[in-house]
């Protein structure tokens, strides 16, 4: 299982706000609609099968950061709002 703190550490390693300033906004078990975890990058192709995973939204000040993870451990930050898809379960 992907822990919220693990995602925070990955986020922090990217040079973002310090861990003490990041707060959880949402942490939920979900089923993503496809292999892109509902967040396909431009030009990306992926499997079109449901994927068990997690949805974590972190807050840092007035900003929110959308992270999606598969149960197998793939984590991606979703910032492609034009292709954003919500969980199916």
C-alpha atoms as a PDB file:
ATOM      1  CA  UNK A   1       0.000   0.000   0.000  1.00  0.00           C
ATOM      2  CA  UNK A   2       1.209   3.508  -0.810  1.00  0.00           C
ATOM      3  CA  UNK A   3       1.369   5.653   2.301  1.00  0.00           C
ATOM      4  CA  UNK A   4       0.503   9.334   2.372  1.00  0.00           C
ATOM      5  CA  UNK A   5       3.899  10.092   3.887  1.00  0.00           C
ATOM      6  CA  UNK A   6       5.647   8.304   0.988  1.00  0.00           C
ATOM      7  CA  UNK A   7       3.851  10.534  -1.488  1.00  0.00           C
ATOM      8  CA  UNK A   8       4.761  13.590   0.595  1.00  0.00           C
ATOM      9  CA  UNK A   9       8.421  12.561   0.519  1.00  0.00           C
ATOM     10  CA  UNK A  10       8.359  12.133  -3.251  1.00  0.00           C
ATOM     11  CA  UNK A  11       6.725  15.535  -3.553  1.00  0.00           C
ATOM     12  CA  UNK A  12       9.298  17.099  -1.231  1.00  0.00           C
ATOM     13  CA  UNK A  13      12.183  15.562  -3.193  1.00  0.00           C
ATOM     14  CA  UNK A  14      10.960  17.481  -6.224  1.00  0.00           C
ATOM     15  CA  UNK A  15      11.880  20.755  -4.517  1.00  0.00           C
ATOM     16  CA  UNK A  16       8.336  21.637  -3.458  1.00  0.00           C
ATOM     17  CA  UNK A  17       7.174  23.054  -0.145  1.00  0.00           C
ATOM     18  CA  UNK A  18       8.696  21.630   3.008  1.00  0.00           C
ATOM     19  CA  UNK A  19       6.981  18.523   4.384  1.00  0.00           C
ATOM     20  CA  UNK A  20       5.780  20.425   7.474  1.00  0.00           C
ATOM     21  CA  UNK A  21       3.720  22.732   5.233  1.00  0.00           C
ATOM     22  CA  UNK A  22       1.971  19.970   3.283  1.00  0.00           C
ATOM     23  CA  UNK A  23      -1.414  18.838   4.555  1.00  0.00           C
ATOM     24  CA  UNK A  24      -3.612  15.982   3.362  1.00  0.00           C
ATOM     25  CA  UNK A  25      -6.745  17.098   1.556  1.00  0.00           C
ATOM     26  CA  UNK A  26      -7.997  13.695   0.403  1.00  0.00           C
ATOM     27  CA  UNK A  27      -6.774  10.125   0.718  1.00  0.00           C
ATOM     28  CA  UNK A  28      -8.974   7.411  -0.730  1.00  0.00           C
ATOM     29  CA  UNK A  29      -8.946   3.890  -2.179  1.00  0.00           C
ATOM     30  CA  UNK A  30     -10.321   4.063  -5.721  1.00  0.00           C
ATOM     31  CA  UNK A  31     -10.612   2.205  -9.008  1.00  0.00           C
ATOM     32  CA  UNK A  32      -9.096   4.219 -11.857  1.00  0.00           C
ATOM     33  CA  UNK A  33     -10.770   3.946 -15.288  1.00  0.00           C
ATOM     34  CA  UNK A  34      -7.553   3.092 -17.149  1.00  0.00           C
ATOM     35  CA  UNK A  35      -3.800   2.520 -16.950  1.00  0.00           C
ATOM     36  CA  UNK A  36      -3.106   6.266 -16.932  1.00  0.00           C
ATOM     37  CA  UNK A  37      -4.864   6.413 -13.548  1.00  0.00           C
ATOM     38  CA  UNK A  38      -7.362   8.796 -15.090  1.00  0.00           C
ATOM     39  CA  UNK A  39      -4.636  11.259 -15.961  1.00  0.00           C
ATOM     40  CA  UNK A  40      -3.261  10.624 -19.437  1.00  0.00           C
ATOM     41  CA  UNK A  41      -0.362  12.795 -20.495  1.00  0.00           C
ATOM     42  CA  UNK A  42      -0.497  14.376 -23.969  1.00  0.00           C
ATOM     43  CA  UNK A  43       0.240  11.687 -26.584  1.00  0.00           C
ATOM     44  CA  UNK A  44       0.282   8.872 -24.006  1.00  0.00           C
ATOM     45  CA  UNK A  45      -1.422   5.559 -24.677  1.00  0.00           C
ATOM     46  CA  UNK A  46      -2.411   3.202 -21.882  1.00  0.00           C
ATOM     47  CA  UNK A  47      -4.440   0.111 -21.074  1.00  0.00           C
ATOM     48  CA  UNK A  48      -8.190   0.627 -21.110  1.00  0.00           C
ATOM     49  CA  UNK A  49      -8.892  -1.614 -18.111  1.00  0.00           C
ATOM     50  CA  UNK A  50      -9.825  -0.567 -14.558  1.00  0.00           C
ATOM     51  CA  UNK A  51      -6.880  -0.219 -12.161  1.00  0.00           C
ATOM     52  CA  UNK A  52      -7.087  -0.514  -8.355  1.00  0.00           C
ATOM     53  CA  UNK A  53      -5.331   2.328  -6.628  1.00  0.00           C
ATOM     54  CA  UNK A  54      -5.295   5.405  -4.445  1.00  0.00           C
ATOM     55  CA  UNK A  55      -6.143   9.071  -4.827  1.00  0.00           C
ATOM     56  CA  UNK A  56      -4.297  11.575  -2.663  1.00  0.00           C
ATOM     57  CA  UNK A  57      -4.711  15.329  -2.774  1.00  0.00           C
ATOM     58  CA  UNK A  58      -2.169  17.357  -0.833  1.00  0.00           C
ATOM     59  CA  UNK A  59      -2.561  20.990   0.175  1.00  0.00           C
ATOM     60  CA  UNK A  60       0.313  23.454   0.447  1.00  0.00           C
ATOM     61  CA  UNK A  61      -0.883  26.948   1.205  1.00  0.00           C
ATOM     62  CA  UNK A  62      -3.655  27.824  -1.239  1.00  0.00           C
ATOM     63  CA  UNK A  63      -2.535  25.204  -3.801  1.00  0.00           C
ATOM     64  CA  UNK A  64      -3.710  21.615  -4.192  1.00  0.00           C
ATOM     65  CA  UNK A  65      -1.711  18.778  -5.722  1.00  0.00           C
ATOM     66  CA  UNK A  66      -3.451  15.737  -7.206  1.00  0.00           C
ATOM     67  CA  UNK A  67      -1.532  12.459  -6.859  1.00  0.00           C
ATOM     68  CA  UNK A  68      -2.707   9.138  -8.227  1.00  0.00           C
ATOM     69  CA  UNK A  69      -1.240   5.734  -7.486  1.00  0.00           C
ATOM     70  CA  UNK A  70      -1.826   2.180  -8.595  1.00  0.00           C
ATOM     71  CA  UNK A  71      -1.956  -0.664  -6.093  1.00  0.00           C
ATOM     72  CA  UNK A  72       1.302  -1.877  -7.713  1.00  0.00           C
ATOM     73  CA  UNK A  73       3.125   1.311  -6.730  1.00  0.00           C
ATOM     74  CA  UNK A  74       3.065   3.589  -9.786  1.00  0.00           C
ATOM     75  CA  UNK A  75       2.645   7.182  -8.617  1.00  0.00           C
ATOM     76  CA  UNK A  76       1.986  10.197 -10.783  1.00  0.00           C
ATOM     77  CA  UNK A  77       1.106  13.783 -10.132  1.00  0.00           C
ATOM     78  CA  UNK A  78      -1.874  14.736 -12.238  1.00  0.00           C
ATOM     79  CA  UNK A  79      -1.805  18.246 -13.647  1.00  0.00           C
ATOM     80  CA  UNK A  80      -3.310  17.645 -17.091  1.00  0.00           C
ATOM     81  CA  UNK A  81      -6.793  18.997 -16.349  1.00  0.00           C
ATOM     82  CA  UNK A  82      -7.969  18.759 -19.961  1.00  0.00           C
ATOM     83  CA  UNK A  83      -7.654  14.948 -19.877  1.00  0.00           C
ATOM     84  CA  UNK A  84      -8.606  14.445 -16.224  1.00  0.00           C
ATOM     85  CA  UNK A  85     -10.843  11.460 -15.454  1.00  0.00           C
ATOM     86  CA  UNK A  86     -12.358  10.639 -12.105  1.00  0.00           C
ATOM     87  CA  UNK A  87     -12.311   7.213 -10.376  1.00  0.00           C
ATOM     88  CA  UNK A  88     -14.954   4.698 -11.427  1.00  0.00           C
ATOM     89  CA  UNK A  89     -15.220   3.116  -8.007  1.00  0.00           C
END
